[in-house]
Protein backbone atom coordinates (compact mmCIF):
# COMPACT_ATOMS: atom_id res chain seq x y z
CA MET A 1 0.00 0.00 0.00
CA SER A 2 1.28 3.45 -0.90
CA VAL A 3 0.27 6.44 1.23
CA THR A 4 1.07 10.08 0.60
CA LEU A 5 0.63 12.53 3.45
CA TYR A 6 0.57 16.27 2.80
CA HIS A 7 2.04 17.12 6.16
CA ASN A 8 2.46 20.21 8.32
CA PRO A 9 4.72 19.34 11.28
CA SER A 10 3.34 22.36 13.20
CA CYS A 11 -0.20 20.97 13.05
CA GLY A 12 -1.25 18.62 15.84
CA THR A 13 -3.80 16.87 13.66
CA SER A 14 -1.21 16.27 10.96
CA ARG A 15 1.24 14.85 13.51
CA THR A 16 -1.51 12.59 14.88
CA VAL A 17 -2.37 11.30 11.41
CA LEU A 18 1.31 10.63 10.70
CA GLY A 19 1.53 8.65 13.94
CA LEU A 20 -1.57 6.60 13.08
CA ILE A 21 -0.21 5.77 9.64
CA ARG A 22 3.14 4.71 11.08
CA ASP A 23 1.40 2.71 13.85
CA ALA A 24 -0.32 0.78 11.06
CA GLY A 25 3.14 -0.23 9.82
CA ILE A 26 3.13 2.10 6.81
CA GLU A 27 5.87 4.59 6.08
CA PRO A 28 4.15 7.29 4.04
CA ASN A 29 5.58 9.50 1.35
CA ILE A 30 5.59 12.82 3.22
CA ILE A 31 5.14 16.08 1.36
CA LEU A 32 5.62 19.22 3.43
CA TYR A 33 2.85 21.11 1.71
CA LEU A 34 3.82 24.54 3.05
CA LYS A 35 7.24 24.15 1.40
CA THR A 36 6.03 22.24 -1.65
CA PRO A 37 2.36 23.09 -2.14
CA PRO A 38 0.32 20.98 -4.52
CA THR A 39 -0.73 22.45 -7.85
CA ARG A 40 -4.39 23.08 -8.56
CA ALA A 41 -4.47 19.93 -10.70
CA GLU A 42 -2.97 17.90 -7.84
CA LEU A 43 -5.53 19.32 -5.41
CA GLU A 44 -8.37 18.51 -7.80
CA ASN A 45 -7.01 14.96 -8.17
CA ILE A 46 -6.81 14.52 -4.38
CA LEU A 47 -10.37 15.78 -3.99
CA ALA A 48 -11.66 13.49 -6.74
CA LYS A 49 -9.93 10.41 -5.29
CA GLY A 50 -11.29 11.15 -1.83
CA LYS A 51 -14.73 12.14 -3.12
CA LEU A 52 -14.28 15.42 -1.23
CA SER A 53 -15.17 19.02 -1.88
CA ALA A 54 -12.70 21.87 -1.48
CA ARG A 55 -14.68 22.93 1.58
CA ASP A 56 -14.04 19.48 3.13
CA ILE A 57 -10.29 20.19 3.27
CA LEU A 58 -10.58 23.85 4.22
CA ARG A 59 -8.91 24.77 7.51
CA SER A 60 -11.85 26.85 8.64
CA LYS A 61 -10.29 27.57 12.05
CA GLU A 62 -7.32 29.36 10.46
CA ALA A 63 -7.48 33.15 10.71
CA LEU A 64 -6.53 33.51 7.04
CA CYS A 65 -9.58 31.54 5.94
CA LYS A 66 -11.85 33.83 7.91
CA GLU A 67 -10.03 36.93 6.64
CA LEU A 68 -10.53 35.78 3.06
CA GLY A 69 -14.18 34.91 3.74
CA LEU A 70 -13.66 31.33 2.61
CA ASP A 71 -15.89 30.00 5.38
CA ALA A 72 -18.92 31.85 3.98
CA PRO A 73 -21.70 29.52 2.76
CA GLY A 74 -21.83 30.89 -0.80
CA ILE A 75 -18.15 30.40 -1.61
CA SER A 76 -17.64 27.88 -4.41
CA ASP A 77 -15.08 25.11 -4.61
CA ASP A 78 -13.38 27.02 -7.43
CA GLN A 79 -13.02 30.08 -5.21
CA ILE A 80 -11.61 27.98 -2.38
CA LEU A 81 -9.13 26.26 -4.70
CA ASP A 82 -8.07 29.62 -6.17
CA ALA A 83 -7.36 30.85 -2.64
CA GLU A 84 -5.54 27.63 -1.74
CA ILE A 85 -3.19 28.07 -4.65
CA SER A 86 -2.57 31.76 -4.08
CA GLN A 87 -2.36 31.65 -0.25
CA LYS A 88 -0.70 28.25 0.33
CA GLY A 89 -2.00 26.88 3.55
CA CYS A 90 -5.71 27.11 4.16
CA THR A 91 -6.19 23.38 3.67
CA SER A 92 -5.82 20.58 6.10
CA GLY A 93 -2.72 18.51 6.27
């Protein structure tokens, strides 16, 4: 089994997920997404594989997401993805 983790070592949830993966005996391919952010196409591929929306991976507790208004109900997935690409870091690890 191959696992890729878009990881943020400063994020407790991301560290927990990494621990769970390793506890399962899997050494994931780790991508430090703040240093090497995914492209829009990569994000769209991740969302499609996980059957997720852009809102599902939005870090709604981050101040930047609130500042940009990305937590507003009428914001589309395209708008969220545009912000993800330009701001690098509103998504979950």
